[in-house]
Amino acid sequence: MNHFKISDKILNLAQTAAEDVKSQFGVIDEISQKNTEKVLAAFQKNRVSDTMFAGSTGYGYDDKGRETLDSIFADIMKTEAALVREGFVSGTHAITAMLFASLRPGQTLLSVAGLPYDTLHGVIGISGNYSGSLRDYDITYSQIELKEDGLPDFAAISQAVKSHNVGAVLIQRSRGYSTRRALSVREIGEICDCVRSANSSVNVMVDNCYGEFVETIEPGEVGVDILAGSLIKNPGGGLAPTGGYVAGREDLVKAAANRFTAPGIGDKCGSEQGGHRLLYQGLFMAPHTVAQALKTAVFAARLFSLLGYKTHPCYNDNRSDIIQMVELLSSEALLRFCRGIQAAAPVDSYVTPIAAEMPGYEHQVVMAAGTFIQGASIELSADAPMREPFNAFLQGGLTYESGKLGVMLAASYLLEV
């Protein structure tokens, strides 16, 4: 601990925080145990062998490792089918394939949890004028805000689905860069029921980023038609080098595969020269890794609340994603927080994060992420758009021990004079 020169004040508060969160850690361990059993059962059901870890070349025809991984994801997500590919460059890319699979020209996309995450604005056509956006394909956009208590506005959802030409409903599970809370899988199921009652032909989609393995069930178990996410977040377990997934109803997953490759080729091609082992191993590790990230977030919530900062969720709240928000109120405090997280990283710890323009974001963004996988937010990271109220968004932590150090260093940097 002397290496990091953390003050006695922070060390004492950290000890108090660690004691205060023990009961929450017990709940997290129980969830991790159940999710580990689910993942292990899917591996065994699909008869995984080390021959499936080998790569393929060229077109990648008959790649047993690729096909089996798709089947395992579908089993875990409780969906008819899945498409798991390193060729997805980000969660946004996977979600884009999901959007185009679920909508047709002339229809409306309805977001029922407010404004989607920043990088989807250009995809949808909310901002910018990008060729190939949904707007470019004559797909319009509408949104419904969550109510003041953070719950879905079921009356407004029902009315919109009945009275507009809505082709698909988008539910963003995580808070993203907003101050709202994450939606639980139970609440996502209630939205599905509401949409089905109003118009059974509407596709229900979920942006599942940051939510996988946080609860013991996934959106595929409560009526969602299709969901998507990133492999360098929760389901990659900190080992997947890149990629994303789409899972859901078979016809929609096939449509997403046609968007990902080409119509008529779909999910039947796509070689992985480096092999599949890291995707398999990362998925196997994912429930435990997510538990480490959750413990880091819960500890951070308690420590910063003891320091007088507003945190959301609170340390003893139920959680549906791995993101922890800390309200810092100034750009200088936000930069200090991120620099503390960076200083605790195993990679690039000597780098000083600064705000800069980032592809897909409307505001400058500061990002602290000394990660083994570039941009992997299942590893300890913190980022935020440089806009009021200057909230920091903390996520990840491959181990609770290293995450705890990062949180204490962020607190130390904030207290510097």
Protein backbone atom coordinates (compact mmCIF):
# COMPACT_ATOMS: atom_id res chain seq x y z
CA MET A 1 0.00 0.00 0.00
CA ASN A 2 2.95 2.34 0.60
CA HIS A 3 3.67 2.28 -3.13
CA PHE A 4 0.47 4.25 -3.80
CA LYS A 5 0.87 6.66 -0.86
CA ILE A 6 -2.82 6.51 0.06
CA SER A 7 -3.57 8.70 3.07
CA ASP A 8 -4.61 7.32 6.46
CA LYS A 9 -7.96 9.09 6.05
CA ILE A 10 -8.77 7.17 2.88
CA LEU A 11 -7.44 3.90 4.33
CA ASN A 12 -9.62 4.24 7.41
CA LEU A 13 -12.71 5.14 5.40
CA ALA A 14 -11.99 2.23 3.05
CA GLN A 15 -11.90 -0.14 6.00
CA THR A 16 -15.29 1.18 7.14
CA ALA A 17 -16.68 0.87 3.63
CA ALA A 18 -15.44 -2.71 3.29
CA GLU A 19 -17.22 -3.66 6.50
CA ASP A 20 -20.43 -1.94 5.42
CA VAL A 21 -20.69 -3.83 2.12
CA LYS A 22 -20.21 -7.40 3.36
CA SER A 23 -23.88 -8.30 3.09
CA GLN A 24 -24.04 -6.97 -0.48
CA PHE A 25 -20.98 -9.05 -1.35
CA GLY A 26 -22.80 -12.14 -0.12
CA VAL A 27 -25.67 -11.47 -2.52
CA ILE A 28 -23.23 -10.92 -5.40
CA ASP A 29 -21.49 -14.24 -4.66
CA GLU A 30 -24.83 -16.08 -4.72
CA ILE A 31 -25.68 -14.59 -8.13
CA SER A 32 -22.24 -15.49 -9.45
CA GLN A 33 -22.65 -19.07 -8.27
CA LYS A 34 -26.00 -19.47 -10.05
CA ASN A 35 -24.72 -17.90 -13.26
CA THR A 36 -21.59 -20.06 -13.19
CA GLU A 37 -23.79 -23.16 -12.95
CA LYS A 38 -25.82 -21.92 -15.93
CA VAL A 39 -22.71 -21.30 -18.05
CA LEU A 40 -21.11 -24.61 -17.11
CA ALA A 41 -24.32 -26.48 -17.95
CA ALA A 42 -24.39 -24.82 -21.40
CA PHE A 43 -20.77 -25.82 -22.06
CA GLN A 44 -21.48 -29.42 -21.10
CA LYS A 45 -24.77 -29.62 -23.01
CA ASN A 46 -22.96 -28.50 -26.16
CA ARG A 47 -20.12 -30.99 -25.63
CA VAL A 48 -17.29 -28.47 -25.80
CA SER A 49 -13.89 -29.94 -26.64
CA ASP A 50 -10.51 -28.34 -27.24
CA THR A 51 -10.81 -29.03 -30.98
CA MET A 52 -13.37 -26.21 -31.05
CA PHE A 53 -10.77 -23.67 -29.98
CA ALA A 54 -8.88 -23.90 -33.28
CA GLY A 55 -9.27 -21.16 -35.85
CA SER A 56 -10.33 -21.31 -39.46
CA THR A 57 -9.31 -19.53 -42.65
CA GLY A 58 -10.88 -18.13 -45.78
CA TYR A 59 -14.65 -18.36 -45.72
CA GLY A 60 -14.71 -20.30 -42.48
CA TYR A 61 -17.16 -22.91 -43.71
CA ASP A 62 -18.22 -25.56 -41.18
CA ASP A 63 -16.37 -23.91 -38.30
CA LYS A 64 -17.55 -26.12 -35.43
CA GLY A 65 -16.09 -23.82 -32.78
CA ARG A 66 -18.00 -20.82 -34.12
CA GLU A 67 -21.26 -22.72 -34.43
CA THR A 68 -21.01 -24.23 -30.96
CA LEU A 69 -20.27 -20.86 -29.37
CA ASP A 70 -23.43 -19.48 -30.99
CA SER A 71 -25.39 -22.37 -29.50
CA ILE A 72 -23.89 -21.86 -26.02
CA PHE A 73 -24.79 -18.15 -26.05
CA ALA A 74 -28.35 -18.98 -27.11
CA ASP A 75 -28.65 -21.47 -24.24
CA ILE A 76 -27.31 -18.98 -21.69
CA MET A 77 -29.49 -16.14 -22.96
CA LYS A 78 -32.51 -18.50 -23.26
CA THR A 79 -33.09 -17.55 -26.89
CA GLU A 80 -33.69 -19.50 -30.10
CA ALA A 81 -30.43 -18.45 -31.72
CA ALA A 82 -27.32 -16.32 -31.31
CA LEU A 83 -24.61 -14.74 -33.44
CA VAL A 84 -21.25 -14.33 -31.65
CA ARG A 85 -18.49 -12.78 -33.73
CA GLU A 86 -15.15 -11.08 -33.26
CA GLY A 87 -16.02 -9.17 -36.41
CA PHE A 88 -18.38 -6.95 -34.44
CA VAL A 89 -16.10 -4.00 -33.72
CA SER A 90 -18.14 -2.81 -30.72
CA GLY A 91 -21.41 -3.13 -28.88
CA THR A 92 -22.73 -0.30 -31.06
CA HIS A 93 -21.96 -2.40 -34.15
CA ALA A 94 -23.87 -5.41 -32.75
CA ILE A 95 -26.81 -3.19 -31.72
CA THR A 96 -26.83 -1.65 -35.20
CA ALA A 97 -27.20 -5.12 -36.75
CA MET A 98 -30.05 -5.75 -34.30
CA LEU A 99 -31.78 -2.48 -35.24
CA PHE A 100 -31.65 -3.12 -38.97
CA ALA A 101 -32.83 -6.70 -38.44
CA SER A 102 -35.90 -5.50 -36.55
CA LEU A 103 -37.06 -2.53 -38.63
CA ARG A 104 -38.15 -1.79 -42.18
CA PRO A 105 -38.39 1.49 -44.17
CA GLY A 106 -41.44 3.50 -43.25
CA GLN A 107 -41.56 2.21 -39.69
CA THR A 108 -40.76 4.01 -36.44
CA LEU A 109 -38.20 3.04 -33.83
CA LEU A 110 -39.56 3.76 -30.34
CA SER A 111 -37.09 4.08 -27.47
CA VAL A 112 -38.95 3.59 -24.18
CA ALA A 113 -36.15 4.43 -21.74
CA GLY A 114 -35.36 7.92 -22.97
CA LEU A 115 -32.46 8.88 -25.17
CA PRO A 116 -30.23 5.94 -26.16
CA TYR A 117 -26.48 5.85 -25.54
CA ASP A 118 -24.45 8.53 -27.31
CA THR A 119 -22.84 6.31 -29.96
CA LEU A 120 -26.27 5.23 -31.24
CA HIS A 121 -27.35 8.78 -32.08
CA GLY A 122 -25.57 8.71 -35.42
CA VAL A 123 -26.83 5.19 -36.16
CA ILE A 124 -30.44 6.21 -35.59
CA GLY A 125 -30.10 9.64 -37.18
CA ILE A 126 -30.82 11.66 -34.05
CA SER A 127 -27.71 13.70 -34.76
CA GLY A 128 -25.33 14.02 -37.67
CA ASN A 129 -26.19 13.21 -41.25
CA TYR A 130 -24.48 9.89 -41.79
CA SER A 131 -25.02 7.79 -44.87
CA GLY A 132 -26.52 4.46 -43.88
CA SER A 133 -28.31 5.62 -40.72
CA LEU A 134 -31.85 4.47 -39.93
CA ARG A 135 -33.08 7.91 -40.94
CA ASP A 136 -31.33 7.46 -44.29
CA TYR A 137 -33.51 4.36 -44.77
CA ASP A 138 -36.72 6.29 -43.98
CA ILE A 139 -37.01 4.88 -40.47
CA THR A 140 -38.21 7.55 -38.06
CA TYR A 141 -37.47 7.83 -34.38
CA SER A 142 -39.53 8.59 -31.28
CA GLN A 143 -38.86 8.23 -27.57
CA ILE A 144 -40.64 8.00 -24.25
CA GLU A 145 -38.98 9.17 -21.07
CA LEU A 146 -38.94 7.12 -17.91
CA LYS A 147 -41.11 8.54 -15.17
CA GLU A 148 -39.61 10.67 -12.39
CA ASP A 149 -39.26 7.60 -10.16
CA GLY A 150 -37.26 5.85 -12.89
CA LEU A 151 -40.04 3.41 -13.80
CA PRO A 152 -41.29 2.84 -17.35
CA ASP A 153 -44.28 4.92 -18.44
CA PHE A 154 -46.53 2.02 -19.40
CA ALA A 155 -49.51 4.17 -20.35
CA ALA A 156 -47.41 6.23 -22.77
CA ILE A 157 -45.77 3.09 -24.20
CA SER A 158 -49.12 1.43 -24.83
CA GLN A 159 -50.56 4.54 -26.50
CA ALA A 160 -47.50 5.03 -28.72
CA VAL A 161 -47.41 1.42 -29.85
CA LYS A 162 -51.12 1.50 -30.69
CA SER A 163 -51.23 4.86 -32.46
CA HIS A 164 -47.93 5.03 -34.37
CA ASN A 165 -46.37 2.87 -37.06
CA VAL A 166 -43.93 1.40 -34.57
CA GLY A 167 -41.90 -1.48 -35.97
CA ALA A 168 -39.68 -2.05 -32.95
CA VAL A 169 -39.25 -0.93 -29.37
CA LEU A 170 -35.75 -0.35 -28.00
CA ILE A 171 -35.01 -0.84 -24.30
CA GLN A 172 -31.62 0.28 -23.04
CA ARG A 173 -30.97 -1.78 -19.92
CA SER A 174 -28.05 0.24 -18.58
CA ARG A 175 -27.95 3.88 -17.55
CA GLY A 176 -25.28 4.77 -20.11
CA TYR A 177 -24.22 8.37 -19.52
CA SER A 178 -27.54 9.35 -17.96
CA THR A 179 -28.53 9.77 -14.33
CA ARG A 180 -31.38 7.26 -14.52
CA ARG A 181 -31.09 3.87 -12.89
CA ALA A 182 -30.62 0.66 -14.86
CA LEU A 183 -33.73 -1.35 -15.65
CA SER A 184 -34.08 -4.76 -14.03
CA VAL A 185 -34.88 -7.82 -16.13
CA ARG A 186 -38.26 -8.00 -14.36
CA GLU A 187 -39.05 -4.43 -15.50
CA ILE A 188 -37.93 -5.28 -19.03
CA GLY A 189 -40.39 -8.18 -18.94
CA GLU A 190 -43.17 -5.82 -17.85
CA ILE A 191 -42.39 -3.56 -20.82
CA CYS A 192 -42.58 -6.61 -23.11
CA ASP A 193 -46.00 -7.51 -21.70
CA CYS A 194 -47.19 -3.94 -22.20
CA VAL A 195 -46.02 -3.86 -25.82
CA ARG A 196 -47.51 -7.29 -26.57
CA SER A 197 -50.87 -6.23 -25.16
CA ALA A 198 -50.93 -3.12 -27.33
CA ASN A 199 -49.49 -4.57 -30.57
CA SER A 200 -48.17 -8.12 -30.76
CA SER A 201 -46.43 -7.51 -34.11
CA VAL A 202 -43.89 -5.04 -32.66
CA ASN A 203 -40.36 -6.38 -32.10
CA VAL A 204 -38.91 -5.74 -28.64
CA MET A 205 -35.14 -5.16 -28.57
CA VAL A 206 -32.73 -4.77 -25.66
CA ASP A 207 -29.35 -3.08 -25.58
CA ASN A 208 -27.92 -5.50 -23.01
CA CYS A 209 -24.50 -3.83 -22.60
CA TYR A 210 -23.17 -3.82 -19.02
CA GLY A 211 -26.03 -6.04 -17.83
CA GLU A 212 -25.04 -9.62 -18.59
CA PHE A 213 -24.71 -11.87 -15.50
CA VAL A 214 -25.60 -9.05 -13.08
CA GLU A 215 -28.85 -10.88 -12.35
CA THR A 216 -29.63 -14.58 -12.50
CA ILE A 217 -31.89 -14.19 -15.55
CA GLU A 218 -31.40 -12.43 -18.89
CA PRO A 219 -33.89 -10.46 -21.05
CA GLY A 220 -34.39 -13.46 -23.34
CA GLU A 221 -36.26 -15.16 -20.50
CA VAL A 222 -38.94 -12.46 -20.14
CA GLY A 223 -40.24 -12.09 -23.69
CA VAL A 224 -37.64 -9.97 -25.48
CA ASP A 225 -37.38 -10.75 -29.20
CA ILE A 226 -33.72 -9.83 -29.66
CA LEU A 227 -30.83 -8.44 -27.61
CA ALA A 228 -27.26 -7.44 -28.28
CA GLY A 229 -24.06 -6.55 -26.47
CA SER A 230 -20.28 -6.33 -26.49
CA LEU A 231 -17.74 -9.07 -25.75
CA ILE A 232 -15.27 -6.61 -24.23
CA LYS A 233 -17.83 -5.89 -21.56
CA ASN A 234 -19.44 -8.47 -19.26
CA PRO A 235 -19.73 -11.65 -21.37
CA GLY A 236 -16.12 -11.62 -22.53
CA GLY A 237 -14.90 -12.10 -18.98
CA GLY A 238 -11.92 -9.82 -19.55
CA LEU A 239 -10.36 -12.29 -22.01
CA ALA A 240 -12.26 -11.76 -25.27
CA PRO A 241 -10.03 -9.54 -27.44
CA THR A 242 -12.92 -7.93 -29.33
CA GLY A 243 -16.37 -8.71 -30.67
CA GLY A 244 -20.06 -8.66 -29.92
CA TYR A 245 -23.17 -10.79 -29.99
CA VAL A 246 -26.81 -10.77 -31.03
CA ALA A 247 -29.24 -13.28 -29.53
CA GLY A 248 -32.97 -13.77 -29.90
CA ARG A 249 -35.69 -15.09 -32.15
CA GLU A 250 -34.20 -17.18 -34.94
CA ASP A 251 -35.59 -15.12 -37.83
CA LEU A 252 -34.32 -11.87 -36.33
CA VAL A 253 -30.87 -13.29 -35.58
CA LYS A 254 -30.65 -14.53 -39.18
CA ALA A 255 -31.61 -11.04 -40.36
CA ALA A 256 -28.88 -9.57 -38.15
CA ALA A 257 -26.41 -12.07 -39.62
CA ASN A 258 -27.39 -10.95 -43.12
CA ARG A 259 -26.69 -7.37 -42.06
CA PHE A 260 -23.37 -8.41 -40.52
CA THR A 261 -22.15 -10.30 -43.63
CA ALA A 262 -24.43 -10.34 -46.68
CA PRO A 263 -27.91 -11.63 -47.56
CA GLY A 264 -27.61 -15.29 -48.50
CA ILE A 265 -24.37 -15.72 -46.54
CA GLY A 266 -25.56 -14.81 -43.05
CA ASP A 267 -23.99 -16.80 -40.24
CA LYS A 268 -22.46 -19.52 -42.43
CA CYS A 269 -19.18 -17.70 -43.10
CA GLY A 270 -16.57 -15.88 -41.09
CA SER A 271 -13.17 -17.28 -40.23
CA GLU A 272 -11.32 -16.66 -36.97
CA GLN A 273 -7.64 -17.20 -37.71
CA GLY A 274 -6.67 -16.71 -34.08
CA GLY A 275 -9.09 -19.36 -32.85
CA HIS A 276 -11.98 -19.27 -30.41
CA ARG A 277 -10.35 -20.19 -27.10
CA LEU A 278 -10.39 -16.71 -25.58
CA LEU A 279 -14.09 -16.29 -26.36
CA TYR A 280 -14.92 -19.64 -24.76
CA GLN A 281 -12.66 -19.09 -21.77
CA GLY A 282 -13.83 -15.51 -21.30
CA LEU A 283 -17.47 -16.59 -21.35
CA PHE A 284 -16.72 -19.29 -18.77
CA MET A 285 -15.04 -16.69 -16.54
CA ALA A 286 -17.71 -14.04 -17.10
CA PRO A 287 -19.99 -14.65 -14.07
CA HIS A 288 -17.01 -14.45 -11.70
CA THR A 289 -15.50 -11.44 -13.49
CA VAL A 290 -18.83 -9.60 -13.39
CA ALA A 291 -19.02 -10.32 -9.66
CA GLN A 292 -15.59 -8.70 -9.20
CA ALA A 293 -16.78 -5.63 -11.11
CA LEU A 294 -19.95 -5.44 -9.01
CA LYS A 295 -17.98 -5.67 -5.78
CA THR A 296 -15.74 -2.84 -6.99
CA ALA A 297 -18.80 -0.72 -7.81
CA VAL A 298 -20.48 -1.39 -4.46
CA PHE A 299 -17.28 -0.55 -2.57
CA ALA A 300 -16.90 2.66 -4.60
CA ALA A 301 -20.48 3.69 -3.85
CA ARG A 302 -19.94 3.29 -0.13
CA LEU A 303 -16.50 4.93 0.02
CA PHE A 304 -17.56 8.00 -1.93
CA SER A 305 -20.76 8.35 0.04
CA LEU A 306 -18.65 8.37 3.22
CA LEU A 307 -16.63 11.16 1.60
CA GLY A 308 -19.83 13.17 1.09
CA TYR A 309 -20.44 12.55 -2.62
CA LYS A 310 -23.78 11.52 -4.09
CA THR A 311 -23.58 8.07 -5.64
CA HIS A 312 -26.03 6.17 -7.78
CA PRO A 313 -26.83 3.38 -7.25
CA CYS A 314 -26.34 3.54 -3.49
CA TYR A 315 -24.13 0.81 -2.11
CA ASN A 316 -27.09 -1.21 -0.81
CA ASP A 317 -29.38 -0.80 -3.84
CA ASN A 318 -30.30 -3.68 -6.14
CA ARG A 319 -28.26 -3.54 -9.35
CA SER A 320 -28.99 -4.41 -12.96
CA ASP A 321 -25.73 -3.24 -14.55
CA ILE A 322 -22.10 -2.83 -13.48
CA ILE A 323 -21.98 0.97 -13.79
CA GLN A 324 -21.42 3.17 -10.74
CA MET A 325 -22.10 6.90 -11.03
CA VAL A 326 -20.44 9.45 -8.75
CA GLU A 327 -21.69 13.05 -8.87
CA LEU A 328 -18.61 15.31 -8.93
CA LEU A 329 -20.11 18.68 -10.03
CA SER A 330 -16.99 20.15 -11.64
CA SER A 331 -14.79 19.38 -14.62
CA GLU A 332 -11.67 19.55 -12.46
CA ALA A 333 -13.04 16.98 -10.00
CA LEU A 334 -14.03 14.71 -12.88
CA LEU A 335 -10.52 14.86 -14.35
CA ARG A 336 -8.97 14.16 -10.95
CA PHE A 337 -11.21 11.13 -10.44
CA CYS A 338 -10.27 9.68 -13.82
CA ARG A 339 -6.59 10.34 -13.26
CA GLY A 340 -6.76 8.41 -10.00
CA ILE A 341 -8.33 5.42 -11.75
CA GLN A 342 -5.66 5.58 -14.46
CA ALA A 343 -2.89 5.71 -11.87
CA ALA A 344 -4.05 2.35 -10.48
CA ALA A 345 -3.98 0.59 -13.86
CA PRO A 346 -1.60 -2.25 -14.74
CA VAL A 347 -1.22 -0.76 -18.24
CA ASP A 348 -0.40 2.88 -19.04
CA SER A 349 -0.55 3.91 -15.38
CA TYR A 350 1.81 6.79 -16.17
CA VAL A 351 -0.62 8.34 -18.68
CA THR A 352 -2.71 11.39 -17.74
CA PRO A 353 -6.29 11.22 -19.09
CA ILE A 354 -7.56 14.41 -20.73
CA ALA A 355 -10.84 15.29 -22.40
CA ALA A 356 -10.87 14.85 -26.17
CA GLU A 357 -13.14 14.31 -29.16
CA MET A 358 -14.19 10.68 -29.60
CA PRO A 359 -15.90 9.01 -32.58
CA GLY A 360 -19.63 8.71 -31.98
CA TYR A 361 -19.83 11.25 -29.13
CA GLU A 362 -21.23 14.77 -29.33
CA HIS A 363 -19.20 16.15 -26.40
CA GLN A 364 -15.58 15.75 -25.49
CA VAL A 365 -15.07 12.63 -23.39
CA VAL A 366 -12.51 11.80 -20.72
CA MET A 367 -11.62 8.13 -20.44
CA ALA A 368 -9.43 6.37 -17.90
CA ALA A 369 -8.71 2.81 -18.93
CA GLY A 370 -5.32 1.20 -18.41
CA THR A 371 -6.59 -2.07 -19.81
CA PHE A 372 -5.10 -5.20 -21.36
CA ILE A 373 -7.81 -5.05 -24.05
CA GLN A 374 -8.18 -1.58 -25.54
CA GLY A 375 -11.42 0.00 -24.34
CA ALA A 376 -12.53 -3.05 -22.37
CA SER A 377 -14.92 -1.66 -19.79
CA ILE A 378 -15.14 -4.94 -17.89
CA GLU A 379 -11.63 -4.00 -16.79
CA LEU A 380 -11.44 -1.12 -14.32
CA SER A 381 -12.26 2.07 -16.18
CA ALA A 382 -13.94 5.42 -15.70
CA ASP A 383 -15.26 7.81 -18.30
CA ALA A 384 -17.67 10.64 -18.80
CA PRO A 385 -18.75 13.29 -21.27
CA MET A 386 -17.46 16.73 -20.32
CA ARG A 387 -20.84 18.24 -19.62
CA GLU A 388 -22.78 19.21 -16.53
CA PRO A 389 -23.32 17.86 -13.91
CA PHE A 390 -19.90 16.22 -14.47
CA ASN A 391 -20.80 12.74 -13.28
CA ALA A 392 -18.12 10.05 -13.36
CA PHE A 393 -19.14 6.61 -14.60
CA LEU A 394 -17.06 3.83 -13.11
CA GLN A 395 -17.23 0.27 -14.34
CA GLY A 396 -15.31 -2.97 -14.31
CA GLY A 397 -12.55 -4.51 -12.29
CA LEU A 398 -11.01 -7.86 -13.22
CA THR A 399 -10.35 -8.42 -9.54
CA TYR A 400 -11.97 -6.75 -6.57
CA GLU A 401 -8.57 -6.26 -4.96
CA SER A 402 -7.23 -4.19 -7.87
CA GLY A 403 -10.56 -2.42 -8.27
CA LYS A 404 -10.52 -1.44 -4.61
CA LEU A 405 -7.06 0.08 -5.03
CA GLY A 406 -8.27 2.05 -8.04
CA VAL A 407 -11.25 3.42 -6.13
CA MET A 408 -9.04 4.47 -3.21
CA LEU A 409 -6.60 6.21 -5.57
CA ALA A 410 -9.48 8.06 -7.25
CA ALA A 411 -10.56 9.26 -3.82
CA SER A 412 -7.00 10.30 -3.01
CA TYR A 413 -6.70 12.32 -6.21
CA LEU A 414 -9.99 14.09 -5.42
CA LEU A 415 -8.72 15.13 -1.99
CA GLU A 416 -5.46 16.59 -3.33
CA VAL A 417 -5.12 20.31 -2.64
